[in-house]
């Protein structure tokens, strides 16, 4: 009697395992769908065409960008840039301008929040914040 119960439990376990395994997609990322830490952004600055400070970013991977929020918490300033062409792929080998700002001073601590996705990967969204101190 005990051996029949053990055999039934064994087959139940095998069945549940088989069902769970068949429901997994082989195209899923190892890191899962939200790769928040799958990309980093190198922030830099340069003098802008209008005399202000341009902030720039260089991604560590090829990405798509849907939004960038530039924040200067000390002055309660936030600027949101929403991109309409969310299919454009930003190359990891290129530096891009975020925006130009005036009254930027050395030592200010800015935060840049990037939201987007990885090209060619379903459900591969990221939401990453990079900190930068003005030089």
N, C-alpha and C. Protein backbone atom coordinates (compact mmCIF):
# COMPACT_ATOMS: atom_id res chain seq x y z
N UNK A 1 0.82 -1.19 0.00
CA UNK A 1 0.00 0.00 0.00
C UNK A 1 0.87 1.26 0.00
N UNK A 2 1.91 1.28 0.83
CA UNK A 2 2.80 2.43 0.89
C UNK A 2 3.53 2.62 -0.43
N UNK A 3 3.93 1.53 -1.05
CA UNK A 3 4.67 1.63 -2.30
C UNK A 3 3.78 2.20 -3.41
N UNK A 4 2.47 1.88 -3.40
CA UNK A 4 1.56 2.45 -4.40
C UNK A 4 1.43 3.96 -4.21
N UNK A 5 1.35 4.42 -2.97
CA UNK A 5 1.27 5.85 -2.71
C UNK A 5 2.56 6.56 -3.14
N UNK A 6 3.69 5.93 -2.89
CA UNK A 6 4.96 6.53 -3.29
C UNK A 6 5.06 6.60 -4.82
N UNK A 7 4.59 5.56 -5.50
CA UNK A 7 4.62 5.56 -6.96
C UNK A 7 3.70 6.66 -7.50
N UNK A 8 2.52 6.81 -6.91
CA UNK A 8 1.58 7.85 -7.34
C UNK A 8 2.19 9.24 -7.10
N UNK A 9 2.80 9.46 -5.95
CA UNK A 9 3.45 10.73 -5.66
C UNK A 9 4.59 11.02 -6.64
N UNK A 10 5.35 9.97 -6.96
CA UNK A 10 6.45 10.12 -7.91
C UNK A 10 5.91 10.56 -9.27
N UNK A 11 4.87 9.89 -9.77
CA UNK A 11 4.31 10.24 -11.07
C UNK A 11 3.64 11.62 -11.04
N UNK A 12 3.06 12.00 -9.93
CA UNK A 12 2.49 13.33 -9.78
C UNK A 12 3.59 14.39 -9.86
N UNK A 13 4.69 14.14 -9.17
CA UNK A 13 5.83 15.05 -9.20
C UNK A 13 6.39 15.17 -10.61
N UNK A 14 6.57 14.06 -11.30
CA UNK A 14 7.11 14.07 -12.66
C UNK A 14 6.14 14.81 -13.59
N UNK A 15 4.85 14.59 -13.43
CA UNK A 15 3.86 15.26 -14.28
C UNK A 15 3.89 16.77 -14.08
N UNK A 16 3.92 17.21 -12.85
CA UNK A 16 3.95 18.64 -12.54
C UNK A 16 5.23 19.27 -13.09
N UNK A 17 6.35 18.59 -12.93
CA UNK A 17 7.62 19.08 -13.45
C UNK A 17 7.58 19.19 -14.97
N UNK A 18 7.01 18.20 -15.64
CA UNK A 18 6.91 18.21 -17.10
C UNK A 18 6.02 19.35 -17.57
N UNK A 19 4.92 19.58 -16.89
CA UNK A 19 4.00 20.67 -17.26
C UNK A 19 4.69 22.02 -17.08
N UNK A 20 5.38 22.18 -15.97
CA UNK A 20 6.08 23.45 -15.71
C UNK A 20 7.18 23.69 -16.74
N UNK A 21 7.92 22.65 -17.08
CA UNK A 21 9.01 22.79 -18.05
C UNK A 21 8.47 23.08 -19.45
N UNK A 22 7.36 22.51 -19.81
CA UNK A 22 6.82 22.76 -21.15
C UNK A 22 6.27 24.17 -21.29
N UNK A 23 5.95 24.81 -20.18
CA UNK A 23 5.44 26.18 -20.23
C UNK A 23 6.52 27.22 -20.34
N UNK A 24 7.77 26.85 -20.20
CA UNK A 24 8.88 27.80 -20.29
C UNK A 24 9.29 28.00 -21.74
N UNK A 25 9.51 29.23 -22.12
CA UNK A 25 9.94 29.54 -23.47
C UNK A 25 11.47 29.49 -23.54
N UNK A 26 11.99 28.92 -24.60
CA UNK A 26 13.43 28.83 -24.76
C UNK A 26 14.03 30.16 -25.23
N UNK A 27 13.19 31.12 -25.59
CA UNK A 27 13.71 32.42 -26.02
C UNK A 27 13.79 33.42 -24.89
N UNK A 28 13.40 33.05 -23.69
CA UNK A 28 13.48 33.96 -22.55
C UNK A 28 14.93 34.24 -22.21
N UNK A 29 15.18 35.43 -21.71
CA UNK A 29 16.51 35.79 -21.25
C UNK A 29 16.80 35.11 -19.93
N UNK A 30 18.06 34.82 -19.72
CA UNK A 30 18.46 34.25 -18.44
C UNK A 30 18.20 35.23 -17.31
N UNK A 31 18.36 36.53 -17.60
CA UNK A 31 18.19 37.55 -16.58
C UNK A 31 16.74 37.93 -16.35
N UNK A 32 15.83 37.44 -17.16
CA UNK A 32 14.42 37.75 -16.99
C UNK A 32 13.99 38.92 -17.83
N UNK A 33 12.71 39.27 -17.76
CA UNK A 33 12.18 40.29 -18.66
C UNK A 33 12.59 41.72 -18.36
N UNK A 34 12.80 42.10 -17.13
CA UNK A 34 13.15 43.48 -16.81
C UNK A 34 14.62 43.57 -16.47
N UNK A 35 15.41 43.95 -17.45
CA UNK A 35 16.85 43.96 -17.29
C UNK A 35 17.34 45.32 -16.80
N UNK A 36 16.84 45.77 -15.67
CA UNK A 36 17.21 47.08 -15.16
C UNK A 36 18.69 47.27 -15.03
N UNK A 37 19.41 46.24 -14.67
CA UNK A 37 20.85 46.36 -14.51
C UNK A 37 21.59 45.82 -15.73
N UNK A 38 20.88 45.54 -16.81
CA UNK A 38 21.52 45.00 -18.01
C UNK A 38 22.24 46.04 -18.84
N UNK A 39 22.08 47.31 -18.52
CA UNK A 39 22.74 48.37 -19.26
C UNK A 39 23.16 49.46 -18.27
N UNK A 40 24.27 50.10 -18.57
CA UNK A 40 24.71 51.25 -17.79
C UNK A 40 24.93 52.41 -18.76
N UNK A 41 24.98 53.62 -18.21
CA UNK A 41 25.15 54.80 -19.04
C UNK A 41 26.30 55.63 -18.52
N UNK A 42 27.25 55.93 -19.41
CA UNK A 42 28.37 56.82 -19.08
C UNK A 42 27.90 58.24 -19.41
N UNK A 43 27.91 59.10 -18.41
CA UNK A 43 27.47 60.49 -18.58
C UNK A 43 28.70 61.38 -18.71
N UNK A 44 28.61 62.36 -19.59
CA UNK A 44 29.68 63.35 -19.74
C UNK A 44 29.04 64.70 -20.05
N UNK A 45 29.88 65.72 -20.23
CA UNK A 45 29.37 67.05 -20.49
C UNK A 45 30.28 67.76 -21.48
N UNK A 46 29.72 68.77 -22.14
CA UNK A 46 30.50 69.64 -23.02
C UNK A 46 29.77 70.98 -23.11
N UNK A 47 30.47 71.99 -23.58
CA UNK A 47 29.84 73.30 -23.76
C UNK A 47 28.90 73.22 -24.96
N UNK A 48 27.68 73.71 -24.76
CA UNK A 48 26.67 73.65 -25.80
C UNK A 48 26.78 74.79 -26.79
N UNK A 49 26.04 74.70 -27.88
CA UNK A 49 26.05 75.72 -28.93
C UNK A 49 25.50 77.05 -28.44
N UNK A 50 24.64 77.02 -27.42
CA UNK A 50 24.03 78.25 -26.90
C UNK A 50 24.72 78.75 -25.63
N UNK A 51 25.91 78.21 -25.33
CA UNK A 51 26.67 78.67 -24.17
C UNK A 51 26.35 77.94 -22.88
N UNK A 52 25.38 77.05 -22.89
CA UNK A 52 25.05 76.27 -21.71
C UNK A 52 25.90 75.00 -21.63
N UNK A 53 25.46 74.08 -20.82
CA UNK A 53 26.15 72.80 -20.67
C UNK A 53 25.30 71.71 -21.30
N UNK A 54 25.90 70.97 -22.22
CA UNK A 54 25.22 69.81 -22.81
C UNK A 54 25.64 68.57 -22.04
N UNK A 55 24.66 67.79 -21.62
CA UNK A 55 24.94 66.50 -21.02
C UNK A 55 24.83 65.45 -22.12
N UNK A 56 25.72 64.47 -22.05
CA UNK A 56 25.76 63.41 -23.05
C UNK A 56 25.71 62.05 -22.38
N UNK A 57 25.30 61.03 -23.13
CA UNK A 57 25.31 59.67 -22.61
C UNK A 57 25.87 58.71 -23.64
N UNK A 58 26.48 57.66 -23.13
CA UNK A 58 26.98 56.56 -23.96
C UNK A 58 26.52 55.27 -23.29
N UNK A 59 25.63 54.50 -23.95
CA UNK A 59 25.14 53.27 -23.34
C UNK A 59 26.18 52.14 -23.43
N UNK A 60 26.11 51.20 -22.51
CA UNK A 60 27.03 50.06 -22.50
C UNK A 60 26.56 48.94 -23.42
N UNK A 61 25.36 49.07 -23.97
CA UNK A 61 24.80 48.07 -24.88
C UNK A 61 23.95 48.80 -25.91
N UNK A 62 23.67 48.14 -27.02
CA UNK A 62 22.76 48.71 -28.01
C UNK A 62 21.36 48.71 -27.39
N UNK A 63 20.70 49.86 -27.43
CA UNK A 63 19.41 50.00 -26.75
C UNK A 63 18.46 50.86 -27.56
N UNK A 64 17.20 50.83 -27.15
CA UNK A 64 16.19 51.77 -27.61
C UNK A 64 15.82 52.62 -26.40
N UNK A 65 15.56 53.91 -26.64
CA UNK A 65 15.23 54.83 -25.55
C UNK A 65 13.82 55.37 -25.77
N UNK A 66 13.01 55.31 -24.73
CA UNK A 66 11.67 55.90 -24.83
C UNK A 66 11.56 57.19 -24.01
N UNK A 67 12.41 57.31 -22.96
CA UNK A 67 12.31 58.51 -22.12
C UNK A 67 13.62 58.72 -21.35
N UNK A 68 13.98 59.99 -21.19
CA UNK A 68 15.09 60.37 -20.31
C UNK A 68 14.58 61.49 -19.40
N UNK A 69 14.77 61.33 -18.10
CA UNK A 69 14.43 62.38 -17.14
C UNK A 69 15.73 62.89 -16.54
N UNK A 70 15.99 64.18 -16.75
CA UNK A 70 17.17 64.84 -16.17
C UNK A 70 16.72 65.56 -14.91
N UNK A 71 17.39 65.29 -13.78
CA UNK A 71 16.97 65.87 -12.50
C UNK A 71 18.14 66.53 -11.78
N UNK A 72 17.84 67.67 -11.21
CA UNK A 72 18.75 68.34 -10.29
C UNK A 72 17.95 68.54 -9.02
N UNK A 73 18.03 67.57 -8.11
CA UNK A 73 17.20 67.56 -6.91
C UNK A 73 17.42 68.79 -6.02
N UNK A 74 18.65 69.30 -5.98
CA UNK A 74 18.95 70.45 -5.11
C UNK A 74 18.12 71.68 -5.48
N UNK A 75 17.72 71.78 -6.73
CA UNK A 75 16.91 72.91 -7.16
C UNK A 75 15.50 72.48 -7.57
N UNK A 76 15.14 71.28 -7.21
CA UNK A 76 13.83 70.72 -7.54
C UNK A 76 13.51 70.88 -9.03
N UNK A 77 14.52 70.58 -9.86
CA UNK A 77 14.38 70.69 -11.31
C UNK A 77 14.32 69.30 -11.93
N UNK A 78 13.39 69.13 -12.86
CA UNK A 78 13.29 67.88 -13.62
C UNK A 78 12.84 68.21 -15.03
N UNK A 79 13.49 67.60 -16.00
CA UNK A 79 13.16 67.78 -17.41
C UNK A 79 12.95 66.40 -18.02
N UNK A 80 11.75 66.16 -18.56
CA UNK A 80 11.44 64.87 -19.16
C UNK A 80 11.45 65.00 -20.67
N UNK A 81 12.22 64.13 -21.30
CA UNK A 81 12.28 64.07 -22.76
C UNK A 81 11.70 62.71 -23.16
N UNK A 82 10.58 62.75 -23.88
CA UNK A 82 9.96 61.52 -24.38
C UNK A 82 10.26 61.39 -25.87
N UNK A 83 10.74 60.23 -26.27
CA UNK A 83 11.13 60.00 -27.65
C UNK A 83 9.98 59.34 -28.41
N UNK A 84 9.64 59.92 -29.57
CA UNK A 84 8.55 59.38 -30.37
C UNK A 84 9.01 58.20 -31.23
N UNK A 85 10.26 58.19 -31.65
CA UNK A 85 10.78 57.08 -32.44
C UNK A 85 11.45 56.09 -31.50
N UNK A 86 10.66 55.25 -30.88
CA UNK A 86 11.19 54.29 -29.91
C UNK A 86 11.81 53.07 -30.59
N UNK A 87 11.84 53.04 -31.92
CA UNK A 87 12.48 51.94 -32.63
C UNK A 87 13.92 52.23 -33.00
N UNK A 88 14.36 53.48 -32.80
CA UNK A 88 15.74 53.85 -33.11
C UNK A 88 16.68 53.14 -32.13
N UNK A 89 17.74 52.53 -32.65
CA UNK A 89 18.70 51.82 -31.80
C UNK A 89 19.92 52.72 -31.56
N UNK A 90 20.17 53.00 -30.30
CA UNK A 90 21.34 53.77 -29.88
C UNK A 90 22.51 52.82 -29.69
N UNK A 91 23.59 53.09 -30.42
CA UNK A 91 24.75 52.20 -30.42
C UNK A 91 25.60 52.36 -29.16
N UNK A 92 26.11 51.26 -28.68
CA UNK A 92 26.99 51.29 -27.50
C UNK A 92 28.33 51.95 -27.82
N UNK A 93 28.62 52.17 -29.10
CA UNK A 93 29.89 52.75 -29.51
C UNK A 93 29.81 54.26 -29.78
N UNK A 94 28.67 54.88 -29.47
CA UNK A 94 28.46 56.28 -29.81
C UNK A 94 27.99 57.06 -28.58
N UNK A 95 28.37 58.34 -28.53
CA UNK A 95 27.93 59.24 -27.47
C UNK A 95 26.84 60.15 -28.05
N UNK A 96 25.77 60.33 -27.27
CA UNK A 96 24.60 61.09 -27.72
C UNK A 96 24.32 62.25 -26.77
N UNK A 97 23.78 63.34 -27.31
CA UNK A 97 23.42 64.50 -26.49
C UNK A 97 22.06 64.26 -25.84
N UNK A 98 21.99 64.52 -24.54
CA UNK A 98 20.70 64.47 -23.83
C UNK A 98 19.97 65.78 -24.05
N UNK A 99 20.60 66.89 -23.60
CA UNK A 99 20.01 68.22 -23.76
C UNK A 99 21.02 69.24 -23.27
N UNK A 100 20.75 70.51 -23.57
CA UNK A 100 21.59 71.62 -23.09
C UNK A 100 20.85 72.38 -22.01
N UNK A 101 21.55 72.69 -20.92
CA UNK A 101 20.96 73.41 -19.79
C UNK A 101 21.84 74.60 -19.43
N UNK A 102 21.19 75.67 -18.95
CA UNK A 102 21.92 76.86 -18.52
C UNK A 102 22.03 76.86 -17.00
N UNK A 103 22.89 77.69 -16.49
CA UNK A 103 23.12 77.85 -15.04
C UNK A 103 23.63 76.58 -14.37
N UNK A 104 24.29 75.73 -15.13
CA UNK A 104 24.89 74.52 -14.57
C UNK A 104 26.22 74.92 -13.93
N UNK A 105 26.46 74.44 -12.70
CA UNK A 105 27.66 74.81 -11.97
C UNK A 105 28.43 73.58 -11.52
N UNK A 106 29.74 73.78 -11.37
CA UNK A 106 30.60 72.69 -10.88
C UNK A 106 30.09 72.18 -9.55
N UNK A 107 30.14 70.89 -9.38
CA UNK A 107 29.75 70.27 -8.12
C UNK A 107 28.28 69.88 -8.04
N UNK A 108 27.44 70.38 -8.95
CA UNK A 108 26.03 69.97 -8.93
C UNK A 108 25.92 68.47 -9.19
N UNK A 109 24.97 67.85 -8.50
CA UNK A 109 24.76 66.41 -8.66
C UNK A 109 23.46 66.17 -9.41
N UNK A 110 23.59 65.73 -10.64
CA UNK A 110 22.47 65.46 -11.52
C UNK A 110 22.17 63.97 -11.55
N UNK A 111 20.91 63.65 -11.82
CA UNK A 111 20.48 62.26 -12.01
C UNK A 111 19.82 62.18 -13.37
N UNK A 112 20.13 61.11 -14.10
CA UNK A 112 19.54 60.89 -15.41
C UNK A 112 18.88 59.51 -15.38
N UNK A 113 17.56 59.51 -15.56
CA UNK A 113 16.80 58.26 -15.54
C UNK A 113 16.46 57.89 -16.98
N UNK A 114 16.95 56.73 -17.41
CA UNK A 114 16.74 56.23 -18.76
C UNK A 114 15.71 55.10 -18.73
N UNK A 115 14.74 55.16 -19.65
CA UNK A 115 13.73 54.11 -19.78
C UNK A 115 13.69 53.70 -21.24
N UNK A 116 13.62 52.40 -21.49
CA UNK A 116 13.56 51.92 -22.86
C UNK A 116 13.58 50.41 -22.91
N UNK A 117 14.13 49.87 -24.01
CA UNK A 117 14.17 48.42 -24.18
C UNK A 117 15.39 48.03 -24.99
N UNK A 118 15.65 46.73 -25.04
CA UNK A 118 16.75 46.19 -25.81
C UNK A 118 16.20 45.73 -27.16
N UNK A 119 16.89 46.05 -28.26
CA UNK A 119 16.38 45.65 -29.58
C UNK A 119 16.38 44.14 -29.76
N UNK A 120 15.34 43.65 -30.41
CA UNK A 120 15.25 42.24 -30.75
C UNK A 120 14.92 41.32 -29.59
N UNK A 121 14.53 41.85 -28.46
CA UNK A 121 14.21 41.01 -27.30
C UNK A 121 12.85 41.42 -26.76
N UNK A 122 11.94 40.48 -26.70
CA UNK A 122 10.61 40.75 -26.16
C UNK A 122 10.69 40.95 -24.65
N UNK A 123 9.88 41.84 -24.14
CA UNK A 123 9.79 42.10 -22.69
C UNK A 123 11.14 42.38 -22.07
N UNK A 124 11.96 43.17 -22.76
CA UNK A 124 13.32 43.44 -22.27
C UNK A 124 13.47 44.90 -21.86
N UNK A 125 12.56 45.38 -21.07
CA UNK A 125 12.57 46.78 -20.65
C UNK A 125 13.65 47.04 -19.61
N UNK A 126 14.14 48.27 -19.59
CA UNK A 126 15.06 48.70 -18.55
C UNK A 126 14.60 50.04 -18.01
N UNK A 127 15.00 50.34 -16.80
CA UNK A 127 14.73 51.62 -16.14
C UNK A 127 15.94 51.86 -15.24
N UNK A 128 16.87 52.69 -15.71
CA UNK A 128 18.16 52.85 -15.05
C UNK A 128 18.41 54.32 -14.73
N UNK A 129 18.93 54.59 -13.55
CA UNK A 129 19.30 55.95 -13.16
C UNK A 129 20.81 56.03 -13.04
N UNK A 130 21.38 57.06 -13.67
CA UNK A 130 22.83 57.31 -13.60
C UNK A 130 23.04 58.65 -12.90
N UNK A 131 23.95 58.67 -11.95
CA UNK A 131 24.29 59.90 -11.22
C UNK A 131 25.53 60.54 -11.87
N UNK A 132 25.55 61.86 -11.84
CA UNK A 132 26.66 62.58 -12.44
C UNK A 132 26.92 63.86 -11.66
N UNK A 133 28.19 64.11 -11.35
CA UNK A 133 28.60 65.36 -10.70
C UNK A 133 29.27 66.24 -11.73
N UNK A 134 28.76 67.47 -11.87
CA UNK A 134 29.27 68.41 -12.88
C UNK A 134 30.71 68.75 -12.56
N UNK A 135 31.54 68.79 -13.59
CA UNK A 135 32.98 69.04 -13.46
C UNK A 135 33.30 70.49 -13.80
